[in-house]
């Protein structure tokens, strides 16, 4: 495997893992019973991105 293929595979895997882990500990506005006017009930409440 060339180094370019390795880097491409690494970044593809990294992005897949990132987006798979993001929803962990996600709470929706509906779960908190505090839906902001003009948003859908499934919108995240404090998404904790960092």
PDB file of N, CA and C in Angstrom:
ATOM      1  N   UNK A   1       0.857  -1.169   0.000  1.00  0.00           N
ATOM      2  CA  UNK A   1       0.000   0.000   0.000  1.00  0.00           C
ATOM      3  C   UNK A   1       0.903   1.232   0.000  1.00  0.00           C
ATOM      4  N   UNK A   2       0.632   2.147  -0.907  1.00  0.00           N
ATOM      5  CA  UNK A   2       1.438   3.367  -0.964  1.00  0.00           C
ATOM      6  C   UNK A   2       1.054   4.306   0.175  1.00  0.00           C
ATOM      7  N   UNK A   3       1.899   5.268   0.439  1.00  0.00           N
ATOM      8  CA  UNK A   3       1.637   6.189   1.545  1.00  0.00           C
ATOM      9  C   UNK A   3       0.432   7.074   1.253  1.00  0.00           C
ATOM     10  N   UNK A   4       0.168   7.367  -0.019  1.00  0.00           N
ATOM     11  CA  UNK A   4      -1.010   8.171  -0.375  1.00  0.00           C
ATOM     12  C   UNK A   4      -2.286   7.387  -0.071  1.00  0.00           C
ATOM     13  N   UNK A   5      -2.295   6.113  -0.389  1.00  0.00           N
ATOM     14  CA  UNK A   5      -3.452   5.268  -0.081  1.00  0.00           C
ATOM     15  C   UNK A   5      -3.659   5.154   1.419  1.00  0.00           C
ATOM     16  N   UNK A   6      -2.565   5.028   2.159  1.00  0.00           N
ATOM     17  CA  UNK A   6      -2.652   4.939   3.614  1.00  0.00           C
ATOM     18  C   UNK A   6      -3.248   6.213   4.204  1.00  0.00           C
ATOM     19  N   UNK A   7      -2.799   7.372   3.746  1.00  0.00           N
ATOM     20  CA  UNK A   7      -3.323   8.651   4.257  1.00  0.00           C
ATOM     21  C   UNK A   7      -4.798   8.803   3.899  1.00  0.00           C
ATOM     22  N   UNK A   8      -5.182   8.433   2.680  1.00  0.00           N
ATOM     23  CA  UNK A   8      -6.587   8.521   2.275  1.00  0.00           C
ATOM     24  C   UNK A   8      -7.455   7.601   3.122  1.00  0.00           C
ATOM     25  N   UNK A   9      -6.994   6.392   3.356  1.00  0.00           N
ATOM     26  CA  UNK A   9      -7.743   5.448   4.183  1.00  0.00           C
ATOM     27  C   UNK A   9      -7.829   5.929   5.626  1.00  0.00           C
ATOM     28  N   UNK A  10      -6.748   6.491   6.139  1.00  0.00           N
ATOM     29  CA  UNK A  10      -6.732   7.019   7.503  1.00  0.00           C
ATOM     30  C   UNK A  10      -7.771   8.125   7.671  1.00  0.00           C
ATOM     31  N   UNK A  11      -7.784   9.101   6.768  1.00  0.00           N
ATOM     32  CA  UNK A  11      -8.731  10.205   6.890  1.00  0.00           C
ATOM     33  C   UNK A  11     -10.172   9.756   6.675  1.00  0.00           C
ATOM     34  N   UNK A  12     -10.404   8.830   5.768  1.00  0.00           N
ATOM     35  CA  UNK A  12     -11.765   8.314   5.573  1.00  0.00           C
ATOM     36  C   UNK A  12     -12.249   7.609   6.831  1.00  0.00           C
ATOM     37  N   UNK A  13     -11.393   6.800   7.433  1.00  0.00           N
ATOM     38  CA  UNK A  13     -11.753   6.107   8.674  1.00  0.00           C
ATOM     39  C   UNK A  13     -11.977   7.095   9.799  1.00  0.00           C
ATOM     40  N   UNK A  14     -11.129   8.107   9.896  1.00  0.00           N
ATOM     41  CA  UNK A  14     -11.238   9.117  10.950  1.00  0.00           C
ATOM     42  C   UNK A  14     -12.585   9.838  10.871  1.00  0.00           C
ATOM     43  N   UNK A  15     -13.004  10.240   9.669  1.00  0.00           N
ATOM     44  CA  UNK A  15     -14.275  10.949   9.510  1.00  0.00           C
ATOM     45  C   UNK A  15     -15.464  10.050   9.833  1.00  0.00           C
ATOM     46  N   UNK A  16     -15.414   8.794   9.428  1.00  0.00           N
ATOM     47  CA  UNK A  16     -16.507   7.866   9.732  1.00  0.00           C
ATOM     48  C   UNK A  16     -16.639   7.683  11.237  1.00  0.00           C
ATOM     49  N   UNK A  17     -15.523   7.498  11.922  1.00  0.00           N
ATOM     50  CA  UNK A  17     -15.556   7.332  13.380  1.00  0.00           C
ATOM     51  C   UNK A  17     -16.047   8.611  14.049  1.00  0.00           C
ATOM     52  N   UNK A  18     -15.592   9.762  13.586  1.00  0.00           N
ATOM     53  CA  UNK A  18     -16.036  11.039  14.161  1.00  0.00           C
ATOM     54  C   UNK A  18     -17.552  11.172  14.097  1.00  0.00           C
ATOM     55  N   UNK A  19     -18.139  10.946  12.931  1.00  0.00           N
ATOM     56  CA  UNK A  19     -19.579  11.121  12.792  1.00  0.00           C
ATOM     57  C   UNK A  19     -20.372   9.988  13.429  1.00  0.00           C
ATOM     58  N   UNK A  20     -19.760   8.858  13.675  1.00  0.00           N
ATOM     59  CA  UNK A  20     -20.434   7.782  14.397  1.00  0.00           C
ATOM     60  C   UNK A  20     -20.482   8.077  15.891  1.00  0.00           C
ATOM     61  N   UNK A  21     -19.484   8.790  16.413  1.00  0.00           N
ATOM     62  CA  UNK A  21     -19.383   9.060  17.849  1.00  0.00           C
ATOM     63  C   UNK A  21     -20.118  10.342  18.241  1.00  0.00           C
ATOM     64  N   UNK A  22     -20.328  11.262  17.324  1.00  0.00           N
ATOM     65  CA  UNK A  22     -20.969  12.540  17.653  1.00  0.00           C
ATOM     66  C   UNK A  22     -22.323  12.404  18.353  1.00  0.00           C
ATOM     67  N   UNK A  23     -23.209  11.495  17.948  1.00  0.00           N
ATOM     68  CA  UNK A  23     -24.519  11.432  18.600  1.00  0.00           C
ATOM     69  C   UNK A  23     -24.513  10.866  20.018  1.00  0.00           C
ATOM     70  N   UNK A  24     -23.387  10.335  20.513  1.00  0.00           N
ATOM     71  CA  UNK A  24     -23.354   9.806  21.881  1.00  0.00           C
ATOM     72  C   UNK A  24     -23.655  10.940  22.854  1.00  0.00           C
ATOM     73  N   UNK A  25     -24.459  10.689  23.825  1.00  0.00           N
ATOM     74  CA  UNK A  25     -24.887  11.629  24.875  1.00  0.00           C
ATOM     75  C   UNK A  25     -25.668  12.821  24.322  1.00  0.00           C
ATOM     76  N   UNK A  26     -26.300  12.656  23.184  1.00  0.00           N
ATOM     77  CA  UNK A  26     -27.117  13.713  22.597  1.00  0.00           C
ATOM     78  C   UNK A  26     -28.484  13.734  23.269  1.00  0.00           C
ATOM     79  N   UNK A  27     -28.921  14.903  23.692  1.00  0.00           N
ATOM     80  CA  UNK A  27     -30.269  15.062  24.249  1.00  0.00           C
ATOM     81  C   UNK A  27     -31.034  16.012  23.345  1.00  0.00           C
ATOM     82  N   UNK A  28     -32.292  15.665  23.075  1.00  0.00           N
ATOM     83  CA  UNK A  28     -33.114  16.506  22.218  1.00  0.00           C
ATOM     84  C   UNK A  28     -33.940  17.471  23.059  1.00  0.00           C
ATOM     85  N   UNK A  29     -34.482  18.480  22.388  1.00  0.00           N
ATOM     86  CA  UNK A  29     -35.346  19.440  23.074  1.00  0.00           C
ATOM     87  C   UNK A  29     -36.600  18.755  23.592  1.00  0.00           C
ATOM     88  N   UNK A  30     -37.085  17.761  22.860  1.00  0.00           N
ATOM     89  CA  UNK A  30     -38.289  17.043  23.277  1.00  0.00           C
ATOM     90  C   UNK A  30     -38.044  16.263  24.569  1.00  0.00           C
ATOM     91  N   UNK A  31     -36.859  15.677  24.720  1.00  0.00           N
ATOM     92  CA  UNK A  31     -36.532  14.948  25.949  1.00  0.00           C
ATOM     93  C   UNK A  31     -36.462  15.881  27.153  1.00  0.00           C
ATOM     94  N   UNK A  32     -36.029  17.118  26.924  1.00  0.00           N
ATOM     95  CA  UNK A  32     -35.945  18.101  28.010  1.00  0.00           C
ATOM     96  C   UNK A  32     -37.267  18.840  28.225  1.00  0.00           C
ATOM     97  N   UNK A  33     -38.254  18.571  27.375  1.00  0.00           N
ATOM     98  CA  UNK A  33     -39.579  19.221  27.446  1.00  0.00           C
ATOM     99  C   UNK A  33     -39.460  20.745  27.382  1.00  0.00           C
ATOM    100  N   UNK A  34     -38.519  21.224  26.548  1.00  0.00           N
ATOM    101  CA  UNK A  34     -38.305  22.663  26.387  1.00  0.00           C
ATOM    102  C   UNK A  34     -38.000  22.943  24.919  1.00  0.00           C
ATOM    103  N   UNK A  35     -39.047  22.907  24.076  1.00  0.00           N
ATOM    104  CA  UNK A  35     -38.876  23.092  22.641  1.00  0.00           C
ATOM    105  C   UNK A  35     -38.920  24.580  22.323  1.00  0.00           C
ATOM    106  N   UNK A  36     -37.872  25.075  21.677  1.00  0.00           N
ATOM    107  CA  UNK A  36     -37.799  26.470  21.274  1.00  0.00           C
ATOM    108  C   UNK A  36     -38.733  26.697  20.094  1.00  0.00           C
ATOM    109  N   UNK A  37     -39.495  27.775  20.123  1.00  0.00           N
ATOM    110  CA  UNK A  37     -40.437  28.099  19.062  1.00  0.00           C
ATOM    111  C   UNK A  37     -39.701  28.223  17.727  1.00  0.00           C
ATOM    112  N   UNK A  38     -40.197  27.547  16.710  1.00  0.00           N
ATOM    113  CA  UNK A  38     -39.608  27.596  15.380  1.00  0.00           C
ATOM    114  C   UNK A  38     -38.609  26.491  15.100  1.00  0.00           C
ATOM    115  N   UNK A  39     -38.392  25.600  16.058  1.00  0.00           N
ATOM    116  CA  UNK A  39     -37.484  24.472  15.838  1.00  0.00           C
ATOM    117  C   UNK A  39     -38.258  23.169  15.969  1.00  0.00           C
ATOM    118  N   UNK A  40     -37.698  22.114  15.409  1.00  0.00           N
ATOM    119  CA  UNK A  40     -38.333  20.804  15.523  1.00  0.00           C
ATOM    120  C   UNK A  40     -38.004  20.203  16.886  1.00  0.00           C
ATOM    121  N   UNK A  41     -38.889  19.385  17.437  1.00  0.00           N
ATOM    122  CA  UNK A  41     -38.632  18.790  18.753  1.00  0.00           C
ATOM    123  C   UNK A  41     -37.383  17.906  18.801  1.00  0.00           C
ATOM    124  N   UNK A  42     -36.949  17.388  17.652  1.00  0.00           N
ATOM    125  CA  UNK A  42     -35.771  16.515  17.644  1.00  0.00           C
ATOM    126  C   UNK A  42     -34.454  17.281  17.537  1.00  0.00           C
ATOM    127  N   UNK A  43     -34.512  18.612  17.560  1.00  0.00           N
ATOM    128  CA  UNK A  43     -33.284  19.412  17.507  1.00  0.00           C
ATOM    129  C   UNK A  43     -32.476  19.197  18.781  1.00  0.00           C
ATOM    130  N   UNK A  44     -31.145  19.159  18.671  1.00  0.00           N
ATOM    131  CA  UNK A  44     -30.325  18.889  19.856  1.00  0.00           C
ATOM    132  C   UNK A  44     -30.360  20.039  20.857  1.00  0.00           C
ATOM    133  N   UNK A  45     -30.290  19.696  22.118  1.00  0.00           N
ATOM    134  CA  UNK A  45     -30.214  20.678  23.197  1.00  0.00           C
ATOM    135  C   UNK A  45     -28.792  20.609  23.735  1.00  0.00           C
ATOM    136  N   UNK A  46     -27.974  21.623  23.492  1.00  0.00           N
ATOM    137  CA  UNK A  46     -26.591  21.621  23.960  1.00  0.00           C
ATOM    138  C   UNK A  46     -25.793  20.475  23.377  1.00  0.00           C
ATOM    139  N   UNK A  47     -25.413  20.513  22.092  1.00  0.00           N
ATOM    140  CA  UNK A  47     -24.826  19.347  21.441  1.00  0.00           C
ATOM    141  C   UNK A  47     -23.450  18.900  21.942  1.00  0.00           C
ATOM    142  N   UNK A  48     -22.747  19.673  22.759  1.00  0.00           N
ATOM    143  CA  UNK A  48     -21.429  19.295  23.304  1.00  0.00           C
ATOM    144  C   UNK A  48     -20.465  18.858  22.203  1.00  0.00           C
ATOM    145  N   UNK A  49     -20.261  19.714  21.228  1.00  0.00           N
ATOM    146  CA  UNK A  49     -19.393  19.374  20.099  1.00  0.00           C
ATOM    147  C   UNK A  49     -17.922  19.298  20.494  1.00  0.00           C
ATOM    148  N   UNK A  50     -17.520  20.019  21.513  1.00  0.00           N
ATOM    149  CA  UNK A  50     -16.096  20.010  21.892  1.00  0.00           C
ATOM    150  C   UNK A  50     -15.886  19.333  23.202  1.00  0.00           C
TER     151      UNK A  50
END
